[in-house]
Amino acid sequence: MALHPHWYLPTSGDGRDVVGWVHSRIATAAPRPTDRAPDIDYLADVARSAERLGFESLLTPAGTWCEDPWITTAALLRETRRIRFIVALRPDALNPTLAAQMAATFQRVSGGRLLLNVVTGSDDEEQQRFGDWLDHDARYARTAEWLRVLRGAWSGEPFDHKGTYYEVRGATVAEAPSPVPQVLLGGSSGPALDAAAEFADVHLNWGEPPADLAPRLARVRELARRQGRRVAFGVRLHVITRDTAAEAWAQADRLLRAMDPAAIALAQARAARTSSEGQRRMTALHGGSRDGLEVSPNLWAGFGLLRRHAGTALVGSHQEVAERLAEYHALGVEHILLSGQPHLEEAHWFGEGVLPLLRRDGLLPLPPQPTRTP
């Protein structure tokens, strides 16, 4: 079982500090100004660097404060040659038959470089901004139905469906995508695990301590087995990796010192209103405190003080980070979805420092050798 490394495309901006959230009023979200705007030239720099370093794909987020992932990744196809794009989409905002058509077109245009990250939604305010008023469990029920229609439209035969949230007749696409895009689906609640077991190719998890993550992976594995399916697993982490552990922890300390206490308080007030089980678990790791942030060996919860969703980072020497990733791999994790501040520089630290160690240990395939001409 190989390990698949993926990097992150910072479409909400980038910088040398944690790009989090500041709210002019608690009821109204606004992104913090960033040092590097997410213009296409900078995003192309990140994409090309990730490609050269050996990452397989780029995770591209969706949300109010991000550039649109479909338009952005389509623009980056011509800037890259090999790297794939994990495009985030939301069932509340996109009809499943139209999503099937868009994905099929993307696969043809890109030569098969699309994966889909289906984002059910965890922030009620964000969902309501797009007109979605369903509660948490109903959102996952809709996601399951949405995925049923999506896969039906890709099947090559007209697909009929009448359910609670969608009714379609003859859903199909002009040409089935080849290959069919892998579907990545996250979530920690019971309904999320049920949906992942039935429809996901990869079940995504935020970076909890391995001992906390293991029971959930076992649960999804068993649920998928009952469906006659196999589901792969991914973990979403930030990384701060350096030649020595001291250098890495010094960088983590610098990021922490740069966090405005008022911004932390506002970010935590917003996180407290979440309906997401995964977000609650992320918040519980630090409890809003700057103290005791190393919650497991080399696992630092500092990002979560200011940033929603993925809130933990692996911090340490290249060897230590490689060892921690090997521990996740031993649990059954095949996909590591990584990021760091800033994304351009941290991609190089990880790609040049950790990826060679993972290859040495047999967790990654060796890069293809160049063909010599006589």
Protein backbone atom coordinates (compact mmCIF):
# COMPACT_ATOMS: atom_id res chain seq x y z
CA MET A 1 0.00 0.00 0.00
CA ALA A 2 1.74 3.12 -1.25
CA LEU A 3 1.47 6.55 0.35
CA HIS A 4 0.14 9.29 -1.93
CA PRO A 5 1.35 12.85 -1.15
CA HIS A 6 -0.82 15.83 -2.06
CA TRP A 7 -0.25 19.57 -1.53
CA TYR A 8 -2.65 22.49 -1.06
CA LEU A 9 -3.53 25.40 -3.33
CA PRO A 10 -3.97 28.57 -1.19
CA THR A 11 -6.82 30.18 -3.10
CA SER A 12 -7.77 32.41 -0.16
CA GLY A 13 -4.28 33.93 0.01
CA ASP A 14 -0.95 33.03 1.52
CA GLY A 15 1.72 34.44 3.78
CA ARG A 16 4.37 33.76 6.41
CA ASP A 17 1.85 33.71 9.26
CA VAL A 18 -1.17 31.46 9.75
CA VAL A 19 -3.85 32.66 7.36
CA GLY A 20 -6.89 32.53 9.59
CA TRP A 21 -10.03 34.54 10.15
CA VAL A 22 -10.75 37.93 11.69
CA HIS A 23 -14.32 39.11 12.11
CA SER A 24 -15.26 42.76 12.11
CA ARG A 25 -18.40 41.55 13.87
CA ILE A 26 -18.87 38.06 15.21
CA ALA A 27 -21.96 37.69 13.02
CA THR A 28 -20.10 38.69 9.84
CA ALA A 29 -17.04 36.85 8.62
CA ALA A 30 -14.27 38.53 6.67
CA PRO A 31 -10.92 37.08 5.68
CA ARG A 32 -7.75 38.53 7.11
CA PRO A 33 -5.64 40.41 4.56
CA THR A 34 -2.85 38.16 3.32
CA ASP A 35 0.71 38.93 2.32
CA ARG A 36 0.33 37.10 -0.99
CA ALA A 37 -2.85 37.52 -2.98
CA PRO A 38 -4.18 34.35 -4.65
CA ASP A 39 -3.60 35.64 -8.16
CA ILE A 40 -3.10 33.11 -10.92
CA ASP A 41 0.64 33.79 -11.24
CA TYR A 42 1.33 32.98 -7.59
CA LEU A 43 -0.94 29.94 -7.62
CA ALA A 44 0.88 28.76 -10.75
CA ASP A 45 4.19 29.08 -8.85
CA VAL A 46 2.82 26.84 -6.11
CA ALA A 47 1.39 24.35 -8.61
CA ARG A 48 4.56 24.06 -10.67
CA SER A 49 6.71 23.69 -7.56
CA ALA A 50 4.47 20.95 -6.17
CA GLU A 51 4.63 19.16 -9.51
CA ARG A 52 8.43 19.31 -9.70
CA LEU A 53 8.80 18.14 -6.10
CA GLY A 54 6.75 15.00 -6.65
CA PHE A 55 3.33 15.72 -5.18
CA GLU A 56 0.54 13.88 -6.96
CA SER A 57 -2.17 16.52 -6.79
CA LEU A 58 -3.32 19.82 -5.32
CA LEU A 59 -6.28 20.14 -2.96
CA THR A 60 -8.31 23.21 -3.88
CA PRO A 61 -10.83 24.50 -1.29
CA ALA A 62 -14.34 25.85 -1.77
CA GLY A 63 -15.99 28.64 0.18
CA THR A 64 -16.92 32.29 0.24
CA TRP A 65 -13.39 33.56 0.80
CA CYS A 66 -11.68 31.31 -1.76
CA GLU A 67 -11.39 31.77 -5.48
CA ASP A 68 -13.73 29.46 -7.36
CA PRO A 69 -12.00 26.07 -7.56
CA TRP A 70 -13.28 25.04 -11.00
CA ILE A 71 -12.21 28.23 -12.73
CA THR A 72 -8.89 28.40 -10.90
CA THR A 73 -7.84 24.83 -11.57
CA ALA A 74 -8.92 25.01 -15.22
CA ALA A 75 -6.67 28.05 -15.63
CA LEU A 76 -3.78 26.12 -14.06
CA LEU A 77 -4.02 23.17 -16.45
CA ARG A 78 -1.94 25.03 -19.02
CA GLU A 79 0.57 26.02 -16.34
CA THR A 80 1.31 22.40 -15.40
CA ARG A 81 1.80 19.07 -17.14
CA ARG A 82 1.26 16.19 -14.76
CA ILE A 83 -0.13 17.23 -11.38
CA ARG A 84 -3.79 16.54 -10.72
CA PHE A 85 -6.35 18.79 -9.01
CA ILE A 86 -8.65 17.81 -6.14
CA VAL A 87 -11.52 20.18 -6.83
CA ALA A 88 -13.81 20.87 -3.88
CA LEU A 89 -17.52 21.15 -4.58
CA ARG A 90 -20.64 21.44 -2.45
CA PRO A 91 -23.84 19.46 -3.02
CA ASP A 92 -25.91 22.37 -1.72
CA ALA A 93 -24.65 24.64 -4.50
CA LEU A 94 -24.37 22.38 -7.56
CA ASN A 95 -26.84 20.05 -9.24
CA PRO A 96 -25.38 16.51 -9.41
CA THR A 97 -26.08 16.00 -13.12
CA LEU A 98 -24.39 19.30 -13.93
CA ALA A 99 -21.47 18.32 -11.67
CA ALA A 100 -21.17 15.03 -13.58
CA GLN A 101 -21.04 16.94 -16.87
CA MET A 102 -18.47 19.44 -15.57
CA ALA A 103 -16.27 16.63 -14.22
CA ALA A 104 -16.47 14.69 -17.49
CA THR A 105 -15.45 17.77 -19.46
CA PHE A 106 -12.59 18.49 -17.05
CA GLN A 107 -11.30 14.93 -17.45
CA ARG A 108 -11.27 15.22 -21.24
CA VAL A 109 -9.69 18.68 -21.28
CA SER A 110 -7.07 17.79 -18.68
CA GLY A 111 -6.24 14.28 -19.77
CA GLY A 112 -7.62 12.72 -16.60
CA ARG A 113 -6.26 15.07 -13.95
CA LEU A 114 -9.38 15.57 -11.81
CA LEU A 115 -10.37 14.28 -8.37
CA LEU A 116 -13.40 15.54 -6.46
CA ASN A 117 -13.58 16.58 -2.81
CA VAL A 118 -17.26 16.59 -1.91
CA VAL A 119 -17.77 19.11 0.92
CA THR A 120 -21.02 18.53 2.78
CA GLY A 121 -20.64 21.67 4.89
CA SER A 122 -19.93 22.33 8.55
CA ASP A 123 -20.60 26.03 9.05
CA ASP A 124 -24.29 26.92 9.22
CA GLU A 125 -23.61 30.57 8.41
CA GLU A 126 -21.66 29.60 5.29
CA GLN A 127 -24.38 27.17 4.21
CA GLN A 128 -27.12 29.73 4.73
CA ARG A 129 -25.16 32.27 2.68
CA PHE A 130 -25.76 29.94 -0.27
CA GLY A 131 -29.39 29.32 0.62
CA ASP A 132 -28.92 25.99 2.40
CA TRP A 133 -30.93 25.66 5.63
CA LEU A 134 -30.69 21.92 6.23
CA ASP A 135 -29.35 20.67 9.53
CA HIS A 136 -26.20 18.58 9.88
CA ASP A 137 -27.67 15.09 9.44
CA ALA A 138 -29.95 16.14 6.61
CA ARG A 139 -26.97 17.62 4.77
CA TYR A 140 -25.22 14.24 4.83
CA ALA A 141 -28.40 12.48 3.68
CA ARG A 142 -28.52 14.90 0.75
CA THR A 143 -24.83 14.30 0.02
CA ALA A 144 -25.42 10.55 -0.17
CA GLU A 145 -28.30 11.07 -2.61
CA TRP A 146 -26.24 13.60 -4.60
CA LEU A 147 -23.43 11.07 -4.97
CA ARG A 148 -25.88 8.39 -6.09
CA VAL A 149 -27.07 10.64 -8.92
CA LEU A 150 -23.52 11.72 -9.80
CA ARG A 151 -22.31 8.14 -10.16
CA GLY A 152 -25.49 7.21 -12.01
CA ALA A 153 -24.90 9.97 -14.57
CA TRP A 154 -21.35 8.67 -15.09
CA SER A 155 -22.52 5.08 -15.60
CA GLY A 156 -22.89 5.31 -19.37
CA GLU A 157 -26.63 4.63 -19.23
CA PRO A 158 -29.50 7.09 -18.60
CA PHE A 159 -30.11 7.13 -14.86
CA ASP A 160 -33.46 7.71 -13.14
CA HIS A 161 -33.77 8.65 -9.49
CA LYS A 162 -36.57 9.90 -7.26
CA GLY A 163 -35.55 10.67 -3.71
CA THR A 164 -35.97 13.15 -0.90
CA TYR A 165 -33.73 15.82 -2.38
CA TYR A 166 -33.39 15.02 -6.10
CA GLU A 167 -35.60 13.72 -8.85
CA VAL A 168 -33.93 13.15 -12.20
CA ARG A 169 -34.89 11.25 -15.35
CA GLY A 170 -32.26 10.10 -17.81
CA ALA A 171 -29.32 11.73 -16.05
CA THR A 172 -26.21 11.14 -18.16
CA VAL A 173 -23.23 12.81 -19.79
CA ALA A 174 -22.19 12.96 -23.45
CA GLU A 175 -19.19 10.75 -22.75
CA ALA A 176 -18.39 8.98 -19.49
CA PRO A 177 -15.25 10.37 -17.84
CA SER A 178 -12.12 8.29 -18.23
CA PRO A 179 -10.85 7.65 -15.71
CA VAL A 180 -13.83 8.18 -13.42
CA PRO A 181 -12.66 10.84 -10.91
CA GLN A 182 -11.97 9.57 -7.44
CA VAL A 183 -14.39 10.97 -4.86
CA LEU A 184 -12.97 12.17 -1.54
CA LEU A 185 -15.45 12.70 1.30
CA GLY A 186 -14.72 13.82 4.85
CA GLY A 187 -16.62 13.78 8.11
CA SER A 188 -16.50 12.30 11.61
CA SER A 189 -20.17 11.91 12.53
CA GLY A 190 -22.23 8.76 12.11
CA PRO A 191 -24.06 10.00 8.98
CA ALA A 192 -20.72 11.07 7.46
CA LEU A 193 -19.19 7.64 8.02
CA ASP A 194 -22.24 5.93 6.49
CA ALA A 195 -22.04 8.13 3.38
CA ALA A 196 -18.30 7.57 3.02
CA ALA A 197 -18.65 3.80 3.32
CA GLU A 198 -21.26 3.69 0.56
CA PHE A 199 -19.97 6.27 -1.92
CA ALA A 200 -16.45 7.55 -1.22
CA ASP A 201 -13.24 6.31 -2.80
CA VAL A 202 -11.25 8.09 -0.08
CA HIS A 203 -12.52 9.00 3.39
CA LEU A 204 -10.78 12.16 4.60
CA ASN A 205 -9.90 12.95 8.21
CA TRP A 206 -8.34 15.94 9.87
CA GLY A 207 -5.06 15.33 11.67
CA GLU A 208 -5.98 13.90 15.04
CA PRO A 209 -3.54 11.83 17.14
CA PRO A 210 -3.22 8.36 15.59
CA ALA A 211 -4.74 6.67 18.64
CA ASP A 212 -7.88 8.84 18.27
CA LEU A 213 -8.11 8.26 14.54
CA ALA A 214 -7.75 4.47 14.53
CA PRO A 215 -11.29 3.58 15.77
CA ARG A 216 -12.93 5.76 13.12
CA LEU A 217 -10.94 4.17 10.33
CA ALA A 218 -11.88 0.74 11.63
CA ARG A 219 -15.55 1.75 11.69
CA VAL A 220 -15.56 3.00 8.09
CA ARG A 221 -13.62 -0.08 6.99
CA GLU A 222 -16.29 -2.32 8.51
CA LEU A 223 -19.19 -0.29 7.10
CA ALA A 224 -17.64 -0.42 3.64
CA ARG A 225 -17.07 -4.18 3.93
CA ARG A 226 -20.79 -4.65 4.55
CA GLN A 227 -21.42 -2.78 1.28
CA GLY A 228 -18.95 -5.01 -0.55
CA ARG A 229 -16.62 -2.04 -0.99
CA ARG A 230 -13.13 -0.95 -0.03
CA VAL A 231 -12.54 2.67 1.01
CA ALA A 232 -9.09 4.25 1.17
CA PHE A 233 -8.24 6.80 3.88
CA GLY A 234 -6.63 10.22 3.86
CA VAL A 235 -5.43 12.60 6.55
CA ARG A 236 -5.27 16.39 6.22
CA LEU A 237 -2.32 18.05 7.99
CA HIS A 238 -0.15 21.12 7.96
CA VAL A 239 3.60 20.55 8.12
CA ILE A 240 6.58 22.42 9.56
CA THR A 241 9.65 20.37 8.75
CA ARG A 242 13.29 21.48 8.98
CA ASP A 243 16.78 20.02 9.06
CA THR A 244 16.58 19.92 12.87
CA ALA A 245 13.70 19.65 15.31
CA ALA A 246 14.84 22.85 17.04
CA GLU A 247 14.49 24.82 13.82
CA ALA A 248 11.02 23.43 13.18
CA TRP A 249 9.74 24.19 16.69
CA ALA A 250 11.24 27.68 16.48
CA GLN A 251 9.10 28.27 13.40
CA ALA A 252 6.00 26.98 15.20
CA ASP A 253 6.77 29.34 18.10
CA ARG A 254 7.13 32.24 15.66
CA LEU A 255 3.73 31.47 14.13
CA LEU A 256 2.19 31.36 17.61
CA ARG A 257 3.73 34.67 18.68
CA ALA A 258 2.34 36.34 15.57
CA MET A 259 -1.26 35.37 16.41
CA ASP A 260 -3.33 38.27 17.72
CA PRO A 261 -5.14 37.21 20.95
CA ALA A 262 -8.25 39.11 19.85
CA ALA A 263 -8.24 37.24 16.54
CA ILE A 264 -7.92 33.92 18.37
CA ALA A 265 -10.87 34.79 20.59
CA LEU A 266 -13.05 35.72 17.62
CA ALA A 267 -12.03 32.63 15.65
CA GLN A 268 -12.83 30.39 18.62
CA ALA A 269 -16.20 32.07 19.15
CA ARG A 270 -17.06 31.20 15.58
CA ALA A 271 -15.77 27.64 15.90
CA ALA A 272 -17.92 27.14 18.99
CA ARG A 273 -21.06 27.58 16.88
CA THR A 274 -20.20 24.76 14.50
CA SER A 275 -22.42 21.76 13.87
CA SER A 276 -19.42 19.75 12.65
CA GLU A 277 -18.24 16.83 14.77
CA GLY A 278 -14.82 17.05 13.12
CA GLN A 279 -14.49 20.74 13.96
CA ARG A 280 -15.47 20.07 17.56
CA ARG A 281 -12.74 17.44 17.77
CA MET A 282 -10.19 19.85 16.31
CA THR A 283 -11.17 22.54 18.82
CA ALA A 284 -11.03 20.11 21.73
CA LEU A 285 -7.35 19.44 21.01
CA HIS A 286 -6.36 22.96 22.09
CA GLY A 287 -9.45 24.29 23.88
CA GLY A 288 -8.61 27.82 22.75
CA SER A 289 -5.43 27.86 24.87
CA ARG A 290 -1.90 28.62 23.72
CA ASP A 291 -0.55 26.11 26.24
CA GLY A 292 0.00 22.40 25.74
CA LEU A 293 -0.31 22.53 21.97
CA GLU A 294 1.78 19.42 21.27
CA VAL A 295 -1.14 17.01 21.57
CA SER A 296 0.75 13.93 20.36
CA PRO A 297 4.42 13.43 19.48
CA ASN A 298 5.25 16.10 16.86
CA LEU A 299 1.54 16.94 16.39
CA TRP A 300 0.93 20.65 17.09
CA ALA A 301 -2.59 22.09 17.40
CA GLY A 302 -1.55 25.73 17.02
CA PHE A 303 -3.03 26.24 13.56
CA GLY A 304 -6.48 25.52 14.99
CA LEU A 305 -6.35 28.58 17.25
CA LEU A 306 -6.84 30.81 14.24
CA ARG A 307 -7.83 28.53 11.40
CA ARG A 308 -11.03 26.57 10.91
CA HIS A 309 -11.14 22.97 9.76
CA ALA A 310 -7.66 21.40 9.53
CA GLY A 311 -5.98 22.69 12.69
CA THR A 312 -2.95 20.49 13.36
CA ALA A 313 0.57 20.36 11.99
CA LEU A 314 3.37 17.83 12.09
CA VAL A 315 6.37 19.71 13.47
CA GLY A 316 9.89 18.35 13.65
CA SER A 317 12.97 17.28 11.78
CA HIS A 318 12.53 15.65 8.40
CA GLN A 319 13.17 12.26 9.99
CA GLU A 320 10.62 12.84 12.76
CA VAL A 321 7.93 13.97 10.32
CA ALA A 322 8.60 10.94 8.12
CA GLU A 323 8.26 8.66 11.17
CA ARG A 324 4.94 10.22 12.18
CA LEU A 325 3.59 9.81 8.65
CA ALA A 326 4.68 6.19 8.72
CA GLU A 327 2.56 5.77 11.86
CA TYR A 328 -0.51 7.12 10.06
CA HIS A 329 0.31 4.84 7.14
CA ALA A 330 0.42 1.86 9.51
CA LEU A 331 -3.20 2.66 10.48
CA GLY A 332 -4.23 2.35 6.84
CA VAL A 333 -3.84 5.97 5.69
CA GLU A 334 -2.89 6.08 2.01
CA HIS A 335 -3.34 9.76 1.20
CA ILE A 336 -1.63 12.65 2.98
CA LEU A 337 -3.02 16.08 2.11
CA LEU A 338 -0.54 18.66 3.32
CA SER A 339 -0.03 22.42 3.52
CA GLY A 340 2.20 24.97 5.23
CA GLN A 341 2.72 28.69 5.58
CA PRO A 342 3.77 29.91 3.12
CA HIS A 343 2.80 27.15 0.73
CA LEU A 344 5.54 27.80 -1.81
CA GLU A 345 8.44 27.56 0.63
CA GLU A 346 6.98 24.80 2.81
CA ALA A 347 6.38 22.64 -0.26
CA HIS A 348 10.13 22.73 -0.85
CA TRP A 349 10.99 21.95 2.77
CA PHE A 350 8.76 18.90 2.71
CA GLY A 351 9.41 17.84 -0.87
CA GLU A 352 13.19 18.00 -0.53
CA GLY A 353 13.43 16.90 3.10
CA VAL A 354 10.71 14.33 3.76
CA LEU A 355 9.67 12.79 0.44
CA PRO A 356 13.16 11.28 -0.12
CA LEU A 357 12.95 9.62 3.31
CA LEU A 358 9.54 8.16 2.54
CA ARG A 359 10.91 6.78 -0.73
CA ARG A 360 13.93 5.35 1.06
CA ASP A 361 11.61 3.53 3.46
CA GLY A 362 9.49 2.12 0.65
CA LEU A 363 6.38 4.18 1.38
CA LEU A 364 6.52 6.08 -1.91
CA PRO A 365 7.35 4.73 -5.36
CA LEU A 366 10.66 5.83 -6.84
CA PRO A 367 10.32 8.73 -9.30
CA PRO A 368 10.43 7.73 -12.98
CA GLN A 369 13.92 7.71 -14.42
CA PRO A 370 14.59 9.96 -17.42
CA THR A 371 14.87 8.20 -20.74
CA ARG A 372 18.33 8.40 -22.24
CA THR A 373 18.67 8.90 -25.96
CA PRO A 374 21.55 7.16 -27.76
